Structure formats: C-alpha cells, structure tokens
PDB file of N, CA and C in Angstrom:
ATOM      1  N   MET A   1     123.161  74.026-188.214  1.00  0.00           N
ATOM      2  CA  MET A   1     122.220  74.250-189.272  1.00  0.00           C
ATOM      3  C   MET A   1     122.191  75.725-189.646  1.00  0.00           C
ATOM      4  N   ASP A   2     121.947  75.950-190.902  1.00  0.00           N
ATOM      5  CA  ASP A   2     121.855  77.311-191.416  1.00  0.00           C
ATOM      6  C   ASP A   2     120.438  77.833-191.197  1.00  0.00           C
ATOM      7  N   PRO A   3     120.244  78.813-190.328  1.00  0.00           N
ATOM      8  CA  PRO A   3     118.888  79.296-190.042  1.00  0.00           C
ATOM      9  C   PRO A   3     118.208  79.960-191.241  1.00  0.00           C
ATOM     10  N   THR A   4     118.986  80.285-192.293  1.00  0.00           N
ATOM     11  CA  THR A   4     118.384  80.897-193.478  1.00  0.00           C
ATOM     12  C   THR A   4     117.941  79.848-194.501  1.00  0.00           C
ATOM     13  N   HIS A   5     118.326  78.584-194.290  1.00  0.00           N
ATOM     14  CA  HIS A   5     117.897  77.497-195.191  1.00  0.00           C
ATOM     15  C   HIS A   5     116.378  77.412-195.175  1.00  0.00           C
ATOM     16  N   ARG A   6     115.785  77.230-196.351  1.00  0.00           N
ATOM     17  CA  ARG A   6     114.322  77.229-196.453  1.00  0.00           C
ATOM     18  C   ARG A   6     113.791  75.801-196.609  1.00  0.00           C
ATOM     19  N   VAL A   7     112.760  75.501-195.850  1.00  0.00           N
ATOM     20  CA  VAL A   7     112.056  74.218-195.940  1.00  0.00           C
ATOM     21  C   VAL A   7     110.569  74.544-196.028  1.00  0.00           C
ATOM     22  N   GLY A   8     109.913  74.041-197.063  1.00  0.00           N
ATOM     23  CA  GLY A   8     108.504  74.361-197.238  1.00  0.00           C
ATOM     24  C   GLY A   8     108.273  75.841-197.465  1.00  0.00           C
ATOM     25  N   ASN A   9     109.249  76.489-198.089  1.00  0.00           N
ATOM     26  CA  ASN A   9     109.213  77.913-198.413  1.00  0.00           C
ATOM     27  C   ASN A   9     109.296  78.835-197.194  1.00  0.00           C
ATOM     28  N   TYR A  10     109.728  78.297-196.054  1.00  0.00           N
ATOM     29  CA  TYR A  10     109.931  79.095-194.844  1.00  0.00           C
ATOM     30  C   TYR A  10     111.374  78.915-194.376  1.00  0.00           C
ATOM     31  N   PRO A  11     112.042  79.989-193.915  1.00  0.00           N
ATOM     32  CA  PRO A  11     113.387  79.814-193.363  1.00  0.00           C
ATOM     33  C   PRO A  11     113.324  78.982-192.079  1.00  0.00           C
ATOM     34  N   LEU A  12     114.348  78.159-191.857  1.00  0.00           N
ATOM     35  CA  LEU A  12     114.375  77.318-190.656  1.00  0.00           C
ATOM     36  C   LEU A  12     114.350  78.150-189.380  1.00  0.00           C
ATOM     37  N   GLY A  13     115.193  79.157-189.324  1.00  0.00           N
ATOM     38  CA  GLY A  13     115.308  79.946-188.105  1.00  0.00           C
ATOM     39  C   GLY A  13     116.228  79.250-187.108  1.00  0.00           C
ATOM     40  N   PRO A  14     116.511  79.894-185.989  1.00  0.00           N
ATOM     41  CA  PRO A  14     117.422  79.316-184.999  1.00  0.00           C
ATOM     42  C   PRO A  14     116.795  78.095-184.317  1.00  0.00           C
ATOM     43  N   ASN A  15     117.628  77.130-184.004  1.00  0.00           N
ATOM     44  CA  ASN A  15     117.246  75.921-183.260  1.00  0.00           C
ATOM     45  C   ASN A  15     116.316  74.982-184.013  1.00  0.00           C
ATOM     46  N   TRP A  16     116.259  75.098-185.323  1.00  0.00           N
ATOM     47  CA  TRP A  16     115.474  74.195-186.164  1.00  0.00           C
ATOM     48  C   TRP A  16     116.408  73.541-187.167  1.00  0.00           C
ATOM     49  N   CYS A  17     116.048  72.360-187.642  1.00  0.00           N
ATOM     50  CA  CYS A  17     116.844  71.684-188.650  1.00  0.00           C
ATOM     51  C   CYS A  17     115.922  71.049-189.685  1.00  0.00           C
ATOM     52  N   SER A  18     116.508  70.614-190.768  1.00  0.00           N
ATOM     53  CA  SER A  18     115.775  69.952-191.835  1.00  0.00           C
ATOM     54  C   SER A  18     115.976  68.450-191.676  1.00  0.00           C
ATOM     55  N   VAL A  19     114.881  67.689-191.586  1.00  0.00           N
ATOM     56  CA  VAL A  19     114.985  66.234-191.475  1.00  0.00           C
ATOM     57  C   VAL A  19     114.231  65.579-192.628  1.00  0.00           C
ATOM     58  N   HIS A  20     114.764  64.474-193.104  1.00  0.00           N
ATOM     59  CA  HIS A  20     114.143  63.710-194.188  1.00  0.00           C
ATOM     60  C   HIS A  20     113.296  62.607-193.568  1.00  0.00           C
ATOM     61  N   ILE A  21     112.047  62.525-193.969  1.00  0.00           N
ATOM     62  CA  ILE A  21     111.137  61.511-193.430  1.00  0.00           C
ATOM     63  C   ILE A  21     111.241  60.260-194.290  1.00  0.00           C
ATOM     64  N   ASN A  22     111.751  59.169-193.696  1.00  0.00           N
ATOM     65  CA  ASN A  22     111.856  57.890-194.396  1.00  0.00           C
ATOM     66  C   ASN A  22     110.807  56.904-193.914  1.00  0.00           C
ATOM     67  N   ILE A  23     110.850  56.596-192.630  1.00  0.00           N
ATOM     68  CA  ILE A  23     109.927  55.632-192.034  1.00  0.00           C
ATOM     69  C   ILE A  23     109.311  56.280-190.799  1.00  0.00           C
ATOM     70  N   PRO A  24     108.081  56.721-190.902  1.00  0.00           N
ATOM     71  CA  PRO A  24     107.450  57.376-189.758  1.00  0.00           C
ATOM     72  C   PRO A  24     107.200  56.396-188.618  1.00  0.00           C
ATOM     73  N   VAL A  25     107.397  56.862-187.411  1.00  0.00           N
ATOM     74  CA  VAL A  25     107.081  56.065-186.233  1.00  0.00           C
ATOM     75  C   VAL A  25     105.600  56.262-185.897  1.00  0.00           C
ATOM     76  N   ILE A  26     105.166  57.510-185.889  1.00  0.00           N
ATOM     77  CA  ILE A  26     103.758  57.834-185.618  1.00  0.00           C
ATOM     78  C   ILE A  26     103.221  58.556-186.859  1.00  0.00           C
ATOM     79  N   TRP A  27     102.553  57.810-187.735  1.00  0.00           N
ATOM     80  CA  TRP A  27     102.103  58.326-189.026  1.00  0.00           C
ATOM     81  C   TRP A  27     101.199  59.540-188.901  1.00  0.00           C
ATOM     82  N   GLU A  28     100.333  59.556-187.931  1.00  0.00           N
ATOM     83  CA  GLU A  28      99.336  60.628-187.822  1.00  0.00           C
ATOM     84  C   GLU A  28      99.813  61.830-187.001  1.00  0.00           C
ATOM     85  N   GLU A  29     101.068  61.819-186.568  1.00  0.00           N
ATOM     86  CA  GLU A  29     101.614  62.971-185.830  1.00  0.00           C
ATOM     87  C   GLU A  29     101.606  64.193-186.754  1.00  0.00           C
ATOM     88  N   HIS A  30     101.091  65.299-186.252  1.00  0.00           N
ATOM     89  CA  HIS A  30     101.021  66.513-187.065  1.00  0.00           C
ATOM     90  C   HIS A  30     102.399  67.148-187.205  1.00  0.00           C
ATOM     91  N   LEU A  31     102.650  67.687-188.382  1.00  0.00           N
ATOM     92  CA  LEU A  31     103.884  68.436-188.598  1.00  0.00           C
ATOM     93  C   LEU A  31     103.839  69.696-187.734  1.00  0.00           C
ATOM     94  N   ILE A  32     104.968  70.056-187.178  1.00  0.00           N
ATOM     95  CA  ILE A  32     105.023  71.217-186.296  1.00  0.00           C
ATOM     96  C   ILE A  32     104.947  72.513-187.099  1.00  0.00           C
ATOM     97  N   ARG A  33     105.539  72.491-188.285  1.00  0.00           N
ATOM     98  CA  ARG A  33     105.483  73.650-189.178  1.00  0.00           C
ATOM     99  C   ARG A  33     104.815  73.243-190.485  1.00  0.00           C
ATOM    100  N   PRO A  34     104.183  74.189-191.163  1.00  0.00           N
ATOM    101  CA  PRO A  34     103.509  73.857-192.413  1.00  0.00           C
ATOM    102  C   PRO A  34     104.494  73.462-193.508  1.00  0.00           C
ATOM    103  N   TYR A  35     104.042  72.592-194.374  1.00  0.00           N
ATOM    104  CA  TYR A  35     104.827  72.205-195.547  1.00  0.00           C
ATOM    105  C   TYR A  35     103.851  71.924-196.674  1.00  0.00           C
ATOM    106  N   SER A  36     103.671  72.896-197.554  1.00  0.00           N
ATOM    107  CA  SER A  36     102.761  72.764-198.689  1.00  0.00           C
ATOM    108  C   SER A  36     101.380  72.355-198.180  1.00  0.00           C
ATOM    109  N   THR A  37     100.829  71.272-198.704  1.00  0.00           N
ATOM    110  CA  THR A  37      99.513  70.801-198.259  1.00  0.00           C
ATOM    111  C   THR A  37      99.621  69.642-197.276  1.00  0.00           C
ATOM    112  N   LEU A  38     100.833  69.287-196.878  1.00  0.00           N
ATOM    113  CA  LEU A  38     101.044  68.166-195.967  1.00  0.00           C
ATOM    114  C   LEU A  38     100.750  68.595-194.536  1.00  0.00           C
ATOM    115  N   THR A  39     100.083  67.718-193.778  1.00  0.00           N
ATOM    116  CA  THR A  39      99.777  68.057-192.391  1.00  0.00           C
ATOM    117  C   THR A  39     100.301  67.030-191.395  1.00  0.00           C
ATOM    118  N   THR A  40     100.588  65.798-191.852  1.00  0.00           N
ATOM    119  CA  THR A  40     101.074  64.760-190.934  1.00  0.00           C
ATOM    120  C   THR A  40     102.408  64.198-191.401  1.00  0.00           C
ATOM    121  N   ILE A  41     103.096  63.534-190.487  1.00  0.00           N
ATOM    122  CA  ILE A  41     104.373  62.913-190.822  1.00  0.00           C
ATOM    123  C   ILE A  41     104.181  61.833-191.878  1.00  0.00           C
ATOM    124  N   GLY A  42     103.097  61.077-191.787  1.00  0.00           N
ATOM    125  CA  GLY A  42     102.828  60.036-192.770  1.00  0.00           C
ATOM    126  C   GLY A  42     102.684  60.568-194.180  1.00  0.00           C
ATOM    127  N   GLN A  43     102.153  61.750-194.323  1.00  0.00           N
ATOM    128  CA  GLN A  43     102.013  62.373-195.643  1.00  0.00           C
ATOM    129  C   GLN A  43     103.347  62.901-196.162  1.00  0.00           C
ATOM    130  N   ALA A  44     104.298  63.104-195.267  1.00  0.00           N
ATOM    131  CA  ALA A  44     105.571  63.736-195.628  1.00  0.00           C
ATOM    132  C   ALA A  44     106.675  62.736-195.977  1.00  0.00           C
ATOM    133  N   ILE A  45     106.357  61.461-196.115  1.00  0.00           N
ATOM    134  CA  ILE A  45     107.377  60.467-196.465  1.00  0.00           C
ATOM    135  C   ILE A  45     108.078  60.882-197.755  1.00  0.00           C
ATOM    136  N   GLY A  46     109.408  60.852-197.726  1.00  0.00           N
ATOM    137  CA  GLY A  46     110.209  61.198-198.892  1.00  0.00           C
ATOM    138  C   GLY A  46     110.522  62.674-199.026  1.00  0.00           C
ATOM    139  N   THR A  47     110.087  63.486-198.071  1.00  0.00           N
ATOM    140  CA  THR A  47     110.353  64.921-198.138  1.00  0.00           C
ATOM    141  C   THR A  47     111.183  65.368-196.932  1.00  0.00           C
ATOM    142  N   TYR A  48     111.705  66.563-197.035  1.00  0.00           N
ATOM    143  CA  TYR A  48     112.385  67.199-195.916  1.00  0.00           C
ATOM    144  C   TYR A  48     111.404  68.129-195.229  1.00  0.00           C
ATOM    145  N   VAL A  49     111.375  68.091-193.911  1.00  0.00           N
ATOM    146  CA  VAL A  49     110.521  68.981-193.138  1.00  0.00           C
ATOM    147  C   VAL A  49     111.354  69.664-192.062  1.00  0.00           C
ATOM    148  N   ALA A  50     110.857  70.787-191.583  1.00  0.00           N
ATOM    149  CA  ALA A  50     111.520  71.489-190.479  1.00  0.00           C
ATOM    150  C   ALA A  50     111.130  70.814-189.173  1.00  0.00           C
ATOM    151  N   TRP A  51     112.129  70.642-188.300  1.00  0.00           N
ATOM    152  CA  TRP A  51     111.874  69.999-187.015  1.00  0.00           C
ATOM    153  C   TRP A  51     112.783  70.639-185.972  1.00  0.00           C
ATOM    154  N   PRO A  52     112.292  70.842-184.758  1.00  0.00           N
ATOM    155  CA  PRO A  52     113.134  71.450-183.719  1.00  0.00           C
ATOM    156  C   PRO A  52     114.342  70.563-183.398  1.00  0.00           C
ATOM    157  N   GLN A  53     115.509  71.160-183.309  1.00  0.00           N
ATOM    158  CA  GLN A  53     116.721  70.407-183.001  1.00  0.00           C
ATOM    159  C   GLN A  53     116.601  69.660-181.683  1.00  0.00           C
ATOM    160  N   ALA A  54     115.918  70.234-180.715  1.00  0.00           N
ATOM    161  CA  ALA A  54     115.786  69.596-179.401  1.00  0.00           C
ATOM    162  C   ALA A  54     115.025  68.276-179.479  1.00  0.00           C
ATOM    163  N   LEU A  55     114.180  68.096-180.490  1.00  0.00           N
ATOM    164  CA  LEU A  55     113.404  66.865-180.617  1.00  0.00           C
ATOM    165  C   LEU A  55     114.062  65.825-181.522  1.00  0.00           C
ATOM    166  N   VAL A  56     115.092  66.201-182.225  1.00  0.00           N
ATOM    167  CA  VAL A  56     115.736  65.256-183.141  1.00  0.00           C
ATOM    168  C   VAL A  56     116.396  64.124-182.374  1.00  0.00           C
ATOM    169  N   SER A  57     117.121  64.403-181.314  1.00  0.00           N
ATOM    170  CA  SER A  57     117.781  63.332-180.570  1.00  0.00           C
ATOM    171  C   SER A  57     116.752  62.439-179.892  1.00  0.00           C
ATOM    172  N   ILE A  58     115.656  62.998-179.419  1.00  0.00           N
ATOM    173  CA  ILE A  58     114.597  62.184-178.807  1.00  0.00           C
ATOM    174  C   ILE A  58     114.002  61.258-179.844  1.00  0.00           C
ATOM    175  N   PHE A  59     113.764  61.761-181.030  1.00  0.00           N
ATOM    176  CA  PHE A  59     113.207  60.948-182.114  1.00  0.00           C
ATOM    177  C   PHE A  59     114.143  59.794-182.442  1.00  0.00           C
ATOM    178  N   LEU A  60     115.420  60.056-182.523  1.00  0.00           N
ATOM    179  CA  LEU A  60     116.372  58.979-182.861  1.00  0.00           C
ATOM    180  C   LEU A  60     116.424  57.926-181.779  1.00  0.00           C
ATOM    181  N   ILE A  61     116.321  58.316-180.524  1.00  0.00           N
ATOM    182  CA  ILE A  61     116.316  57.352-179.433  1.00  0.00           C
ATOM    183  C   ILE A  61     115.064  56.483-179.502  1.00  0.00           C
ATOM    184  N   LEU A  62     113.909  57.086-179.768  1.00  0.00           N
ATOM    185  CA  LEU A  62     112.668  56.327-179.853  1.00  0.00           C
ATOM    186  C   LEU A  62     112.658  55.388-181.067  1.00  0.00           C
ATOM    187  N   LYS A  63     113.336  55.788-182.120  1.00  0.00           N
ATOM    188  CA  LYS A  63     113.359  54.973-183.346  1.00  0.00           C
ATOM    189  C   LYS A  63     114.086  53.664-183.114  1.00  0.00           C
ATOM    190  N   PHE A  64     115.122  53.687-182.294  1.00  0.00           N
ATOM    191  CA  PHE A  64     115.915  52.477-182.077  1.00  0.00           C
ATOM    192  C   PHE A  64     115.532  51.911-180.767  1.00  0.00           C
TER     193      PHE A  64
END
C-alpha cells in the first residue's frame, strides 16, 4: 500500500490500507480512524476507509 494515499482526507501512513465496506459483520463497530462524519462501520457501507493491515487478514477469516 502507498502510505501517501489519502482516505478521509488523511494519508494512510505505514501499515495501513484502504478497504471498501460492502457487508459489515459488526455494524456498530467504531471506525479506527475518522472519515468525514461517519463513526461506525455500518455507516461506512459503500465507502473506502483506512484499516490496519494487521487486522485485514483477521477480518477476512471471520467473514468466511
């Protein structure tokens, strides 16, 4: 991932990636980083949010 890529008007930085929220597993889970006026994953459906790379593989395992 490009650490200079911006998500929610903030650069990703090292060890972060941009993920697209399609189907939330836990709707009320708070976003780790701010994104406009959105505060939960359920509110972020259809958008890209910043997420730590270390948690992406865990999320995919839990999804399936």
